[in-house]
PDB file of N, CA and C in Angstrom:
ATOM      1  N   MET A   1      34.195  19.209  38.313  1.00  0.00           N
ATOM      2  CA  MET A   1      33.077  19.697  37.579  1.00  0.00           C
ATOM      3  C   MET A   1      31.897  18.672  37.685  1.00  0.00           C
ATOM      4  N   CYS A   2      30.749  19.263  37.964  1.00  0.00           N
ATOM      5  CA  CYS A   2      29.460  18.537  38.305  1.00  0.00           C
ATOM      6  C   CYS A   2      28.999  18.121  36.825  1.00  0.00           C
ATOM      7  N   LYS A   3      28.507  16.777  36.798  1.00  0.00           N
ATOM      8  CA  LYS A   3      27.863  16.177  35.600  1.00  0.00           C
ATOM      9  C   LYS A   3      26.409  16.298  35.868  1.00  0.00           C
ATOM     10  N   VAL A   4      25.626  16.896  34.801  1.00  0.00           N
ATOM     11  CA  VAL A   4      24.334  17.090  35.021  1.00  0.00           C
ATOM     12  C   VAL A   4      23.516  16.107  33.962  1.00  0.00           C
ATOM     13  N   SER A   5      22.766  15.317  34.338  1.00  0.00           N
ATOM     14  CA  SER A   5      21.897  14.388  33.546  1.00  0.00           C
ATOM     15  C   SER A   5      20.898  15.156  32.968  1.00  0.00           C
ATOM     16  N   LEU A   6      20.868  15.434  31.723  1.00  0.00           N
ATOM     17  CA  LEU A   6      19.651  15.975  30.904  1.00  0.00           C
ATOM     18  C   LEU A   6      18.739  15.112  30.442  1.00  0.00           C
ATOM     19  N   PRO A   7      17.465  15.502  30.277  1.00  0.00           N
ATOM     20  CA  PRO A   7      16.344  14.539  29.802  1.00  0.00           C
ATOM     21  C   PRO A   7      16.724  14.017  28.324  1.00  0.00           C
ATOM     22  N   TYR A   8      17.570  14.745  27.442  1.00  0.00           N
ATOM     23  CA  TYR A   8      17.830  14.140  26.143  1.00  0.00           C
ATOM     24  C   TYR A   8      18.897  13.046  26.224  1.00  0.00           C
ATOM     25  N   ASN A   9      19.295  12.614  27.446  1.00  0.00           N
ATOM     26  CA  ASN A   9      20.162  11.530  27.396  1.00  0.00           C
ATOM     27  C   ASN A   9      19.442  10.227  27.563  1.00  0.00           C
ATOM     28  N   TYR A  10      18.206  10.056  27.365  1.00  0.00           N
ATOM     29  CA  TYR A  10      17.514   8.751  27.276  1.00  0.00           C
ATOM     30  C   TYR A  10      16.895   8.588  26.000  1.00  0.00           C
ATOM     31  N   ASN A  11      16.611   7.353  25.535  1.00  0.00           N
ATOM     32  CA  ASN A  11      16.093   7.024  24.153  1.00  0.00           C
ATOM     33  C   ASN A  11      14.718   7.601  23.718  1.00  0.00           C
ATOM     34  N   LYS A  12      13.719   7.939  24.788  1.00  0.00           N
ATOM     35  CA  LYS A  12      12.536   8.477  24.479  1.00  0.00           C
ATOM     36  C   LYS A  12      12.418  10.031  24.441  1.00  0.00           C
ATOM     37  N   ALA A  13      13.628  10.802  24.606  1.00  0.00           N
ATOM     38  CA  ALA A  13      13.684  12.147  24.719  1.00  0.00           C
ATOM     39  C   ALA A  13      13.173  12.794  23.506  1.00  0.00           C
ATOM     40  N   CYS A  14      13.342  12.474  22.344  1.00  0.00           N
ATOM     41  CA  CYS A  14      12.855  12.998  21.095  1.00  0.00           C
ATOM     42  C   CYS A  14      11.273  12.965  21.045  1.00  0.00           C
ATOM     43  N   ALA A  15      10.733  11.957  21.335  1.00  0.00           N
ATOM     44  CA  ALA A  15       9.347  11.771  21.324  1.00  0.00           C
ATOM     45  C   ALA A  15       8.737  12.777  22.429  1.00  0.00           C
ATOM     46  N   SER A  16       9.374  12.732  23.623  1.00  0.00           N
ATOM     47  CA  SER A  16       8.911  13.511  24.671  1.00  0.00           C
ATOM     48  C   SER A  16       8.855  15.080  24.443  1.00  0.00           C
ATOM     49  N   PHE A  17       9.923  15.466  23.678  1.00  0.00           N
ATOM     50  CA  PHE A  17      10.043  16.851  23.272  1.00  0.00           C
ATOM     51  C   PHE A  17       9.069  17.259  22.267  1.00  0.00           C
ATOM     52  N   PHE A  18       8.831  16.247  21.314  1.00  0.00           N
ATOM     53  CA  PHE A  18       7.938  16.412  20.175  1.00  0.00           C
ATOM     54  C   PHE A  18       6.614  16.461  20.696  1.00  0.00           C
ATOM     55  N   ILE A  19       6.178  15.796  21.541  1.00  0.00           N
ATOM     56  CA  ILE A  19       4.763  15.699  22.160  1.00  0.00           C
ATOM     57  C   ILE A  19       4.504  17.200  22.868  1.00  0.00           C
ATOM     58  N   ASN A  20       5.498  17.639  23.718  1.00  0.00           N
ATOM     59  CA  ASN A  20       5.504  18.678  24.466  1.00  0.00           C
ATOM     60  C   ASN A  20       5.329  20.006  23.469  1.00  0.00           C
ATOM     61  N   VAL A  21       6.080  19.802  22.494  1.00  0.00           N
ATOM     62  CA  VAL A  21       5.996  21.042  21.599  1.00  0.00           C
ATOM     63  C   VAL A  21       4.577  21.152  20.786  1.00  0.00           C
ATOM     64  N   ILE A  22       4.174  19.962  20.420  1.00  0.00           N
ATOM     65  CA  ILE A  22       2.747  19.785  19.828  1.00  0.00           C
ATOM     66  C   ILE A  22       1.655  20.342  20.860  1.00  0.00           C
ATOM     67  N   LYS A  23       1.876  20.006  22.175  1.00  0.00           N
ATOM     68  CA  LYS A  23       0.705  20.466  23.071  1.00  0.00           C
ATOM     69  C   LYS A  23       0.849  22.012  23.212  1.00  0.00           C
ATOM     70  N   ALA A  24       2.160  22.606  23.219  1.00  0.00           N
ATOM     71  CA  ALA A  24       2.323  23.951  23.245  1.00  0.00           C
ATOM     72  C   ALA A  24       1.598  24.691  22.023  1.00  0.00           C
ATOM     73  N   LEU A  25       1.931  24.164  20.989  1.00  0.00           N
ATOM     74  CA  LEU A  25       1.408  24.904  19.767  1.00  0.00           C
ATOM     75  C   LEU A  25      -0.086  24.738  19.658  1.00  0.00           C
ATOM     76  N   LYS A  26      -0.667  23.586  20.012  1.00  0.00           N
ATOM     77  CA  LYS A  26      -2.139  23.373  20.091  1.00  0.00           C
ATOM     78  C   LYS A  26      -2.799  24.430  21.149  1.00  0.00           C
ATOM     79  N   ILE A  27      -2.331  24.670  22.115  1.00  0.00           N
ATOM     80  CA  ILE A  27      -2.752  25.592  23.100  1.00  0.00           C
ATOM     81  C   ILE A  27      -2.639  27.067  22.478  1.00  0.00           C
ATOM     82  N   GLU A  28      -1.599  27.310  21.835  1.00  0.00           N
ATOM     83  CA  GLU A  28      -1.638  28.560  21.140  1.00  0.00           C
ATOM     84  C   GLU A  28      -2.458  28.808  19.934  1.00  0.00           C
ATOM     85  N   ILE A  29      -2.699  27.694  19.316  1.00  0.00           N
ATOM     86  CA  ILE A  29      -3.761  27.901  18.122  1.00  0.00           C
ATOM     87  C   ILE A  29      -4.969  27.972  18.899  1.00  0.00           C
ATOM     88  N   PHE A  30      -5.548  27.191  19.800  1.00  0.00           N
ATOM     89  CA  PHE A  30      -6.851  27.254  20.352  1.00  0.00           C
ATOM     90  C   PHE A  30      -7.114  28.640  21.062  1.00  0.00           C
ATOM     91  N   ASP A  31      -6.025  29.105  21.546  1.00  0.00           N
ATOM     92  CA  ASP A  31      -6.177  30.528  22.259  1.00  0.00           C
ATOM     93  C   ASP A  31      -6.550  31.563  21.025  1.00  0.00           C
ATOM     94  N   ARG A  32      -5.837  31.463  19.943  1.00  0.00           N
ATOM     95  CA  ARG A  32      -6.137  32.356  18.881  1.00  0.00           C
ATOM     96  C   ARG A  32      -7.481  32.058  18.130  1.00  0.00           C
ATOM     97  N   VAL A  33      -8.035  30.850  18.228  1.00  0.00           N
ATOM     98  CA  VAL A  33      -9.373  30.500  17.652  1.00  0.00           C
ATOM     99  C   VAL A  33     -10.304  31.113  18.742  1.00  0.00           C
ATOM    100  N   ARG A  34     -10.128  30.989  19.975  1.00  0.00           N
ATOM    101  CA  ARG A  34     -11.011  31.552  20.840  1.00  0.00           C
ATOM    102  C   ARG A  34     -11.287  32.964  20.754  1.00  0.00           C
ATOM    103  N   LYS A  35     -10.284  33.827  20.470  1.00  0.00           N
ATOM    104  CA  LYS A  35     -10.321  35.255  20.304  1.00  0.00           C
ATOM    105  C   LYS A  35     -11.144  35.610  18.917  1.00  0.00           C
ATOM    106  N   SER A  36     -11.210  34.754  17.982  1.00  0.00           N
ATOM    107  CA  SER A  36     -11.864  35.027  16.763  1.00  0.00           C
ATOM    108  C   SER A  36     -13.347  35.125  16.866  1.00  0.00           C
ATOM    109  N   PRO A  37     -13.813  35.906  16.103  1.00  0.00           N
ATOM    110  CA  PRO A  37     -15.368  35.897  15.981  1.00  0.00           C
ATOM    111  C   PRO A  37     -15.982  34.863  15.290  1.00  0.00           C
ATOM    112  N   TRP A  38     -15.187  34.251  14.547  1.00  0.00           N
ATOM    113  CA  TRP A  38     -15.624  33.026  13.653  1.00  0.00           C
ATOM    114  C   TRP A  38     -14.511  32.084  13.518  1.00  0.00           C
ATOM    115  N   PHE A  39     -14.927  30.880  13.222  1.00  0.00           N
ATOM    116  CA  PHE A  39     -13.848  29.792  12.934  1.00  0.00           C
ATOM    117  C   PHE A  39     -14.683  28.652  12.139  1.00  0.00           C
ATOM    118  N   GLY A  40     -13.849  27.867  11.469  1.00  0.00           N
ATOM    119  CA  GLY A  40     -14.412  26.693  10.744  1.00  0.00           C
ATOM    120  C   GLY A  40     -13.423  25.552  10.641  1.00  0.00           C
ATOM    121  N   LEU A  41     -13.889  24.435  10.807  1.00  0.00           N
ATOM    122  CA  LEU A  41     -13.051  23.222  10.820  1.00  0.00           C
ATOM    123  C   LEU A  41     -13.212  22.517   9.332  1.00  0.00           C
ATOM    124  N   MET A  42     -12.044  22.100   9.074  1.00  0.00           N
ATOM    125  CA  MET A  42     -11.962  21.280   7.782  1.00  0.00           C
ATOM    126  C   MET A  42     -11.275  20.037   7.947  1.00  0.00           C
ATOM    127  N   ALA A  43     -11.805  18.956   7.227  1.00  0.00           N
ATOM    128  CA  ALA A  43     -11.323  17.602   7.344  1.00  0.00           C
ATOM    129  C   ALA A  43     -10.969  17.153   5.853  1.00  0.00           C
ATOM    130  N   ASP A  44      -9.831  16.321   5.708  1.00  0.00           N
ATOM    131  CA  ASP A  44      -9.627  15.900   4.413  1.00  0.00           C
ATOM    132  C   ASP A  44      -9.060  14.331   4.633  1.00  0.00           C
ATOM    133  N   GLU A  45      -9.643  13.558   3.930  1.00  0.00           N
ATOM    134  CA  GLU A  45      -9.247  12.073   4.169  1.00  0.00           C
ATOM    135  C   GLU A  45      -8.228  11.746   3.228  1.00  0.00           C
ATOM    136  N   SER A  46      -7.368  10.994   3.655  1.00  0.00           N
ATOM    137  CA  SER A  46      -6.218  10.609   2.662  1.00  0.00           C
ATOM    138  C   SER A  46      -5.903   9.108   3.086  1.00  0.00           C
ATOM    139  N   THR A  47      -5.161   8.349   2.009  1.00  0.00           N
ATOM    140  CA  THR A  47      -4.700   7.105   2.412  1.00  0.00           C
ATOM    141  C   THR A  47      -3.056   7.111   2.136  1.00  0.00           C
ATOM    142  N   ASP A  48      -2.431   6.738   3.151  1.00  0.00           N
ATOM    143  CA  ASP A  48      -0.969   6.786   2.973  1.00  0.00           C
ATOM    144  C   ASP A  48      -0.397   5.556   2.237  1.00  0.00           C
ATOM    145  N   VAL A  49       0.868   5.463   2.058  1.00  0.00           N
ATOM    146  CA  VAL A  49       1.575   4.337   1.208  1.00  0.00           C
ATOM    147  C   VAL A  49       1.241   2.905   1.829  1.00  0.00           C
ATOM    148  N   SER A  50       0.957   2.956   3.176  1.00  0.00           N
ATOM    149  CA  SER A  50       0.725   1.635   3.832  1.00  0.00           C
ATOM    150  C   SER A  50      -0.686   1.372   3.757  1.00  0.00           C
ATOM    151  N   VAL A  51      -1.450   2.105   3.057  1.00  0.00           N
ATOM    152  CA  VAL A  51      -2.974   1.975   2.780  1.00  0.00           C
ATOM    153  C   VAL A  51      -3.663   2.179   4.145  1.00  0.00           C
ATOM    154  N   THR A  52      -3.191   3.008   5.002  1.00  0.00           N
ATOM    155  CA  THR A  52      -3.911   3.447   6.269  1.00  0.00           C
ATOM    156  C   THR A  52      -4.583   4.694   6.040  1.00  0.00           C
ATOM    157  N   LYS A  53      -5.967   4.573   6.375  1.00  0.00           N
ATOM    158  CA  LYS A  53      -6.912   5.796   6.227  1.00  0.00           C
ATOM    159  C   LYS A  53      -6.577   6.684   7.228  1.00  0.00           C
ATOM    160  N   ASN A  54      -6.507   7.986   6.868  1.00  0.00           N
ATOM    161  CA  ASN A  54      -6.211   9.105   7.698  1.00  0.00           C
ATOM    162  C   ASN A  54      -7.274  10.300   7.510  1.00  0.00           C
ATOM    163  N   VAL A  55      -7.547  11.114   8.448  1.00  0.00           N
ATOM    164  CA  VAL A  55      -8.287  12.316   8.345  1.00  0.00           C
ATOM    165  C   VAL A  55      -7.144  13.448   8.815  1.00  0.00           C
ATOM    166  N   ILE A  56      -7.176  14.451   8.136  1.00  0.00           N
ATOM    167  CA  ILE A  56      -6.249  15.586   8.342  1.00  0.00           C
ATOM    168  C   ILE A  56      -7.224  16.685   8.817  1.00  0.00           C
ATOM    169  N   LEU A  57      -6.926  17.517   9.969  1.00  0.00           N
ATOM    170  CA  LEU A  57      -7.840  18.366  10.589  1.00  0.00           C
ATOM    171  C   LEU A  57      -7.115  19.695  10.387  1.00  0.00           C
ATOM    172  N   TYR A  58      -7.816  20.648   9.981  1.00  0.00           N
ATOM    173  CA  TYR A  58      -7.460  22.075  10.002  1.00  0.00           C
ATOM    174  C   TYR A  58      -8.447  22.926  10.463  1.00  0.00           C
ATOM    175  N   VAL A  59      -8.209  24.131  11.087  1.00  0.00           N
ATOM    176  CA  VAL A  59      -8.995  25.162  11.558  1.00  0.00           C
ATOM    177  C   VAL A  59      -8.721  26.523  10.875  1.00  0.00           C
ATOM    178  N   THR A  60      -9.803  27.228  10.389  1.00  0.00           N
ATOM    179  CA  THR A  60      -9.670  28.443   9.945  1.00  0.00           C
ATOM    180  C   THR A  60     -10.307  29.433  10.752  1.00  0.00           C
ATOM    181  N   PHE A  61      -9.683  30.537  11.013  1.00  0.00           N
ATOM    182  CA  PHE A  61     -10.343  31.589  11.902  1.00  0.00           C
ATOM    183  C   PHE A  61      -9.890  33.031  11.502  1.00  0.00           C
ATOM    184  N   ILE A  62     -10.349  33.916  12.018  1.00  0.00           N
ATOM    185  CA  ILE A  62      -9.957  35.369  11.735  1.00  0.00           C
ATOM    186  C   ILE A  62      -9.207  35.876  12.919  1.00  0.00           C
ATOM    187  N   GLU A  63      -7.910  36.542  12.467  1.00  0.00           N
ATOM    188  CA  GLU A  63      -7.012  37.178  13.384  1.00  0.00           C
ATOM    189  C   GLU A  63      -6.761  38.508  12.893  1.00  0.00           C
ATOM    190  N   GLY A  64      -7.215  39.449  13.623  1.00  0.00           N
ATOM    191  CA  GLY A  64      -7.184  40.853  13.089  1.00  0.00           C
ATOM    192  C   GLY A  64      -8.016  41.014  11.871  1.00  0.00           C
ATOM    193  N   ARG A  65      -7.406  41.298  10.742  1.00  0.00           N
ATOM    194  CA  ARG A  65      -8.115  41.576   9.517  1.00  0.00           C
ATOM    195  C   ARG A  65      -7.868  40.495   8.527  1.00  0.00           C
ATOM    196  N   LYS A  66      -6.981  39.485   8.915  1.00  0.00           N
ATOM    197  CA  LYS A  66      -6.695  38.278   8.173  1.00  0.00           C
ATOM    198  C   LYS A  66      -7.256  36.926   8.418  1.00  0.00           C
ATOM    199  N   VAL A  67      -7.515  36.079   7.462  1.00  0.00           N
ATOM    200  CA  VAL A  67      -8.054  34.940   7.760  1.00  0.00           C
ATOM    201  C   VAL A  67      -6.831  33.887   7.754  1.00  0.00           C
ATOM    202  N   LYS A  68      -6.761  33.131   8.817  1.00  0.00           N
ATOM    203  CA  LYS A  68      -5.750  32.262   8.940  1.00  0.00           C
ATOM    204  C   LYS A  68      -6.199  30.698   9.052  1.00  0.00           C
ATOM    205  N   THR A  69      -5.317  29.904   8.684  1.00  0.00           N
ATOM    206  CA  THR A  69      -5.717  28.447   8.519  1.00  0.00           C
ATOM    207  C   THR A  69      -4.503  27.758   9.195  1.00  0.00           C
ATOM    208  N   SER A  70      -4.823  26.834  10.262  1.00  0.00           N
ATOM    209  CA  SER A  70      -3.821  26.140  10.878  1.00  0.00           C
ATOM    210  C   SER A  70      -3.837  24.542  11.001  1.00  0.00           C
ATOM    211  N   TYR A  71      -3.043  24.033  10.953  1.00  0.00           N
ATOM    212  CA  TYR A  71      -3.073  22.374  10.938  1.00  0.00           C
ATOM    213  C   TYR A  71      -3.355  22.081  12.392  1.00  0.00           C
ATOM    214  N   LEU A  72      -4.207  21.155  12.650  1.00  0.00           N
ATOM    215  CA  LEU A  72      -4.578  20.729  13.892  1.00  0.00           C
ATOM    216  C   LEU A  72      -3.884  19.324  14.129  1.00  0.00           C
ATOM    217  N   GLY A  73      -4.021  18.404  13.286  1.00  0.00           N
ATOM    218  CA  GLY A  73      -3.454  17.104  13.439  1.00  0.00           C
ATOM    219  C   GLY A  73      -3.901  16.133  12.407  1.00  0.00           C
ATOM    220  N   ILE A  74      -3.499  14.892  12.747  1.00  0.00           N
ATOM    221  CA  ILE A  74      -3.856  13.881  11.613  1.00  0.00           C
ATOM    222  C   ILE A  74      -4.406  12.603  12.600  1.00  0.00           C
ATOM    223  N   LEU A  75      -5.496  12.191  12.136  1.00  0.00           N
ATOM    224  CA  LEU A  75      -6.033  10.949  12.960  1.00  0.00           C
ATOM    225  C   LEU A  75      -6.223   9.856  12.000  1.00  0.00           C
ATOM    226  N   GLU A  76      -5.858   8.611  12.551  1.00  0.00           N
ATOM    227  CA  GLU A  76      -6.013   7.338  11.810  1.00  0.00           C
ATOM    228  C   GLU A  76      -7.361   6.829  12.073  1.00  0.00           C
ATOM    229  N   VAL A  77      -8.306   6.582  10.893  1.00  0.00           N
ATOM    230  CA  VAL A  77      -9.604   6.049  11.042  1.00  0.00           C
ATOM    231  C   VAL A  77      -9.623   4.584  10.441  1.00  0.00           C
ATOM    232  N   VAL A  78     -10.615   3.934  10.737  1.00  0.00           N
ATOM    233  CA  VAL A  78     -10.867   2.559  10.391  1.00  0.00           C
ATOM    234  C   VAL A  78     -11.129   2.460   8.989  1.00  0.00           C
ATOM    235  N   ASP A  79     -12.086   3.336   8.491  1.00  0.00           N
ATOM    236  CA  ASP A  79     -12.390   3.417   7.055  1.00  0.00           C
ATOM    237  C   ASP A  79     -12.703   4.860   6.693  1.00  0.00           C
ATOM    238  N   GLY A  80     -12.833   5.093   5.494  1.00  0.00           N
ATOM    239  CA  GLY A  80     -13.138   6.525   4.976  1.00  0.00           C
ATOM    240  C   GLY A  80     -14.658   6.777   4.863  1.00  0.00           C
ATOM    241  N   ILE A  81     -15.636   6.016   5.518  1.00  0.00           N
ATOM    242  CA  ILE A  81     -16.875   6.344   5.499  1.00  0.00           C
ATOM    243  C   ILE A  81     -17.264   7.653   6.276  1.00  0.00           C
ATOM    244  N   ALA A  82     -18.121   8.360   5.847  1.00  0.00           N
ATOM    245  CA  ALA A  82     -18.582   9.653   6.426  1.00  0.00           C
ATOM    246  C   ALA A  82     -18.941   9.531   7.693  1.00  0.00           C
ATOM    247  N   ASN A  83     -19.765   8.364   8.074  1.00  0.00           N
ATOM    248  CA  ASN A  83     -20.205   8.208   9.541  1.00  0.00           C
ATOM    249  C   ASN A  83     -19.006   8.105  10.540  1.00  0.00           C
ATOM    250  N   THR A  84     -18.004   7.272  10.048  1.00  0.00           N
ATOM    251  CA  THR A  84     -16.906   7.041  10.799  1.00  0.00           C
ATOM    252  C   THR A  84     -16.187   8.222  10.972  1.00  0.00           C
ATOM    253  N   ILE A  85     -15.937   9.184  10.008  1.00  0.00           N
ATOM    254  CA  ILE A  85     -15.111  10.256  10.069  1.00  0.00           C
ATOM    255  C   ILE A  85     -15.818  11.408  10.894  1.00  0.00           C
ATOM    256  N   THR A  86     -17.066  11.436  10.716  1.00  0.00           N
ATOM    257  CA  THR A  86     -17.924  12.335  11.654  1.00  0.00           C
ATOM    258  C   THR A  86     -17.723  11.970  13.048  1.00  0.00           C
TER     259      THR A  86
END
């Protein structure tokens, strides 16, 4: 029997799979947004338990006859000042 070495046999496999899934999902979301006649971006600033400032990004768009909102990601920011976030 032949032994096949699969990518999940190394210690960074989970991170690699996770990154690729995120990329695929973002491509799908951006394709759906491109087909929409309208879209909007929303940002929400938060501070986590380690007192790190973050900005969460969402996109809202029309798909068919429904309004959809999708999570785009979270970004760490130096401070919560509007100019920094913008």
